[in-house]
């Protein structure tokens, strides 16, 4: 009887912090193949965010992934990276993960990439070639490019799932928002950002993206399932 009691108690302890949440962006401007797009335009700049992820929490507890594209409409060049972004919820700042933290993490981005219609190529048992896909956003921000990038791994049958997760992280990192110069001569540029799930709970997440003296604000409601 003690064993019967301890097993469900063990799972209760593990899943005590495994609450699941729905992701509900506010003031959606349009949809593109299930991706929710929100625009913000000010006199000197424009920002567009894209969200395709619908759930947070659970056993896998992935980060909140958002694609951000930005454009300068007039004025001097602007450096744009994750330092331009601040995220907070219930008065607490949330951590925006760095490029290196993404590469070094164990997060599985496979489902999130698929929701953006980005397949995660896997290596078949008899081949060692992987072709990652680069993502540049939708609408006026949209362009796809294929890059040949051979990647060798041993014993593919034994490591197929781990390989797919590693490849998803590589694709996410290749498309992650890193230091970029925005100018009026150039087109919009951007990349994915991932917000650590560590302190995310039910409530409104507020994203603030600052370019020069202009701040673009976006709200995302996190609702317990």
Protein backbone atom coordinates (compact mmCIF):
# COMPACT_ATOMS: atom_id res chain seq x y z
CA UNK A 1 0.00 0.00 0.00
CA UNK A 2 2.86 2.37 0.75
CA UNK A 3 4.31 1.87 -2.73
CA UNK A 4 0.91 2.52 -4.29
CA UNK A 5 0.70 5.81 -2.40
CA UNK A 6 4.29 6.90 -3.05
CA UNK A 7 4.11 6.59 -6.85
CA UNK A 8 1.30 9.14 -7.38
CA UNK A 9 2.89 11.34 -4.69
CA UNK A 10 6.15 11.27 -6.66
CA UNK A 11 4.36 12.47 -9.80
CA UNK A 12 2.53 15.14 -7.82
CA UNK A 13 5.85 16.50 -6.55
CA UNK A 14 7.36 16.49 -10.03
CA UNK A 15 4.37 18.15 -11.68
CA UNK A 16 3.63 20.59 -8.89
CA UNK A 17 5.24 23.34 -10.97
CA UNK A 18 4.04 21.98 -14.32
CA UNK A 19 1.01 24.20 -14.81
CA UNK A 20 -0.01 24.71 -18.42
CA UNK A 21 -0.92 28.08 -19.93
CA UNK A 22 -2.53 29.41 -23.09
CA UNK A 23 -0.73 32.19 -24.97
CA UNK A 24 -3.17 34.87 -26.13
CA UNK A 25 -1.63 37.85 -27.96
CA UNK A 26 -3.65 41.07 -27.72
CA UNK A 27 -4.71 43.38 -30.58
CA UNK A 28 -3.82 40.97 -33.41
CA UNK A 29 -3.68 42.77 -36.76
CA UNK A 30 -3.78 39.74 -39.04
CA UNK A 31 -3.01 36.04 -39.43
CA UNK A 32 -0.74 34.23 -41.86
CA UNK A 33 -1.07 30.42 -41.89
CA UNK A 34 -1.88 30.39 -38.20
CA UNK A 35 0.83 32.88 -37.23
CA UNK A 36 -0.54 35.83 -35.26
CA UNK A 37 0.92 39.16 -36.39
CA UNK A 38 0.85 42.45 -34.51
CA UNK A 39 2.14 45.75 -35.92
CA UNK A 40 3.28 48.94 -34.24
CA UNK A 41 4.14 52.03 -36.29
CA UNK A 42 5.56 55.31 -35.03
CA UNK A 43 6.95 58.29 -36.95
CA UNK A 44 10.54 57.01 -37.16
CA UNK A 45 10.17 53.25 -36.89
CA UNK A 46 8.00 50.20 -37.34
CA UNK A 47 8.00 46.92 -35.42
CA UNK A 48 6.18 43.70 -36.19
CA UNK A 49 5.97 40.69 -33.88
CA UNK A 50 4.84 37.20 -34.84
CA UNK A 51 3.59 34.49 -32.50
CA UNK A 52 2.62 30.97 -33.46
CA UNK A 53 3.09 29.28 -30.09
CA UNK A 54 -0.12 28.53 -28.20
CA UNK A 55 1.02 26.85 -24.99
CA UNK A 56 3.51 27.26 -22.18
CA UNK A 57 4.33 25.16 -19.15
CA UNK A 58 3.77 21.45 -18.85
CA UNK A 59 6.58 18.94 -18.47
CA UNK A 60 8.61 20.33 -21.39
CA UNK A 61 8.14 23.96 -20.20
CA UNK A 62 9.47 25.65 -23.36
CA UNK A 63 10.42 29.33 -23.51
CA UNK A 64 8.06 31.86 -25.08
CA UNK A 65 9.33 32.33 -28.64
CA UNK A 66 8.51 35.46 -30.65
CA UNK A 67 9.73 36.65 -34.03
CA UNK A 68 10.49 40.38 -34.06
CA UNK A 69 11.08 42.44 -37.20
CA UNK A 70 11.97 46.13 -37.13
CA UNK A 71 12.41 48.89 -39.68
CA UNK A 72 13.70 52.46 -39.55
CA UNK A 73 11.48 54.87 -41.49
CA UNK A 74 13.66 57.96 -41.15
CA UNK A 75 16.67 59.25 -39.30
CA UNK A 76 20.04 57.75 -38.41
CA UNK A 77 21.01 54.08 -38.29
CA UNK A 78 20.05 52.08 -35.21
CA UNK A 79 21.68 48.99 -33.68
CA UNK A 80 19.04 46.36 -32.98
CA UNK A 81 19.41 43.25 -30.81
CA UNK A 82 17.92 41.67 -27.69
CA UNK A 83 19.06 44.63 -25.57
CA UNK A 84 16.34 46.69 -27.29
CA UNK A 85 13.73 44.37 -25.81
CA UNK A 86 12.32 44.34 -22.29
CA UNK A 87 9.73 41.84 -21.09
CA UNK A 88 7.89 41.98 -17.79
CA UNK A 89 4.91 40.38 -16.07
CA UNK A 90 3.17 41.34 -12.85
CA UNK A 91 5.90 43.89 -12.15
CA UNK A 92 8.74 41.39 -12.57
CA UNK A 93 11.28 41.50 -15.38
CA UNK A 94 11.53 38.34 -17.48
CA UNK A 95 14.80 37.04 -18.88
CA UNK A 96 15.33 37.30 -22.63
CA UNK A 97 17.68 34.43 -23.48
CA UNK A 98 20.91 35.11 -25.34
CA UNK A 99 22.13 33.40 -28.48
CA UNK A 100 24.66 31.37 -26.45
CA UNK A 101 22.02 30.34 -23.91
CA UNK A 102 19.88 28.99 -26.77
CA UNK A 103 22.75 26.92 -28.16
CA UNK A 104 23.70 25.58 -24.73
CA UNK A 105 20.14 24.83 -23.64
CA UNK A 106 18.17 21.58 -23.73
CA UNK A 107 15.03 23.26 -25.04
CA UNK A 108 13.19 21.45 -27.82
CA UNK A 109 12.09 24.01 -30.44
CA UNK A 110 10.81 21.42 -32.92
CA UNK A 111 7.09 22.05 -32.38
CA UNK A 112 7.52 25.83 -32.20
CA UNK A 113 9.38 25.89 -35.53
CA UNK A 114 6.73 23.70 -37.12
CA UNK A 115 4.04 26.12 -35.96
CA UNK A 116 5.95 28.78 -37.92
CA UNK A 117 5.80 26.36 -40.91
CA UNK A 118 9.54 25.73 -40.58
CA UNK A 119 10.23 21.99 -40.81
CA UNK A 120 13.12 20.56 -38.83
CA UNK A 121 15.12 18.46 -41.27
CA UNK A 122 16.37 15.19 -39.86
CA UNK A 123 19.21 13.04 -41.03
CA UNK A 124 18.13 9.71 -42.48
CA UNK A 125 19.96 6.60 -41.35
CA UNK A 126 21.91 6.36 -44.61
CA UNK A 127 22.87 10.02 -45.03
CA UNK A 128 24.71 12.74 -43.15
CA UNK A 129 23.35 15.85 -44.86
CA UNK A 130 21.08 18.34 -43.15
CA UNK A 131 19.63 21.39 -44.86
CA UNK A 132 18.54 24.04 -42.34
CA UNK A 133 16.01 26.70 -43.27
CA UNK A 134 16.48 30.38 -42.54
CA UNK A 135 13.41 32.41 -41.61
CA UNK A 136 12.98 36.13 -42.26
CA UNK A 137 9.43 36.87 -41.18
CA UNK A 138 6.13 37.33 -42.97
CA UNK A 139 4.43 39.94 -45.10
CA UNK A 140 6.85 42.73 -45.92
CA UNK A 141 9.39 40.98 -43.71
CA UNK A 142 9.21 37.62 -45.52
CA UNK A 143 11.93 35.77 -47.37
CA UNK A 144 13.21 32.21 -47.30
CA UNK A 145 16.68 31.00 -48.04
CA UNK A 146 18.15 27.51 -48.09
CA UNK A 147 21.71 26.90 -46.99
CA UNK A 148 23.61 23.67 -47.51
CA UNK A 149 25.24 22.76 -44.24
CA UNK A 150 26.46 19.16 -43.84
CA UNK A 151 26.34 17.86 -40.31
CA UNK A 152 27.66 14.43 -39.39
CA UNK A 153 26.45 12.32 -36.52
CA UNK A 154 27.15 8.71 -35.60
CA UNK A 155 24.60 6.01 -34.88
CA UNK A 156 21.61 7.92 -36.25
CA UNK A 157 19.06 5.27 -35.32
CA UNK A 158 19.98 5.51 -31.63
CA UNK A 159 20.04 9.34 -31.59
CA UNK A 160 17.25 10.31 -34.01
CA UNK A 161 15.14 12.22 -31.49
CA UNK A 162 18.10 13.97 -29.87
CA UNK A 163 19.40 14.86 -33.31
CA UNK A 164 16.10 16.46 -34.30
CA UNK A 165 16.08 18.53 -31.11
CA UNK A 166 19.69 19.61 -31.64
CA UNK A 167 18.91 20.54 -35.23
CA UNK A 168 15.88 22.56 -34.09
CA UNK A 169 18.13 24.48 -31.67
CA UNK A 170 20.62 25.14 -34.48
CA UNK A 171 17.85 26.50 -36.71
CA UNK A 172 16.52 28.64 -33.86
CA UNK A 173 20.04 29.95 -33.14
CA UNK A 174 20.73 30.63 -36.82
CA UNK A 175 17.61 32.81 -36.91
CA UNK A 176 18.03 34.35 -33.47
CA UNK A 177 18.05 38.13 -33.04
CA UNK A 178 21.68 39.27 -32.89
CA UNK A 179 23.25 42.67 -33.31
CA UNK A 180 21.99 44.17 -36.57
CA UNK A 181 22.13 47.64 -38.09
CA UNK A 182 18.80 49.10 -39.17
CA UNK A 183 18.86 51.92 -41.71
CA UNK A 184 16.35 53.70 -43.90
CA UNK A 185 18.17 52.39 -46.99
CA UNK A 186 17.73 48.79 -45.87
CA UNK A 187 14.70 46.60 -45.47
CA UNK A 188 13.26 45.40 -42.20
CA UNK A 189 15.44 43.01 -40.25
CA UNK A 190 14.89 40.86 -37.21
CA UNK A 191 14.98 37.43 -35.67
CA UNK A 192 13.53 35.12 -33.05
CA UNK A 193 13.75 35.90 -29.36
CA UNK A 194 13.04 33.46 -26.55
CA UNK A 195 11.85 34.49 -23.09
CA UNK A 196 12.77 32.17 -20.23
CA UNK A 197 9.71 30.39 -18.80
CA UNK A 198 11.17 30.46 -15.27
CA UNK A 199 9.01 33.27 -13.88
CA UNK A 200 6.13 33.24 -16.36
CA UNK A 201 2.74 32.75 -14.70
CA UNK A 202 -0.84 33.68 -15.44
CA UNK A 203 -1.13 37.36 -16.26
CA UNK A 204 -0.21 39.89 -18.94
CA UNK A 205 3.28 39.90 -20.40
CA UNK A 206 4.30 43.33 -21.66
CA UNK A 207 6.96 43.58 -24.36
CA UNK A 208 8.66 46.91 -24.94
CA UNK A 209 10.92 47.35 -27.96
CA UNK A 210 12.82 50.61 -28.03
CA UNK A 211 14.34 52.08 -31.19
CA UNK A 212 15.94 55.50 -30.71
CA UNK A 213 13.46 57.41 -28.55
CA UNK A 214 10.42 55.41 -29.68
CA UNK A 215 9.00 52.51 -27.68
CA UNK A 216 6.73 49.92 -29.28
CA UNK A 217 4.56 48.04 -26.79
CA UNK A 218 2.89 44.65 -27.16
CA UNK A 219 0.74 42.71 -24.68
CA UNK A 220 0.44 38.93 -24.46
CA UNK A 221 -2.03 37.38 -22.06
CA UNK A 222 -0.89 34.18 -20.35
CA UNK A 223 -3.97 32.30 -19.23
CA UNK A 224 -3.98 29.17 -17.10
CA UNK A 225 -5.48 26.18 -18.86
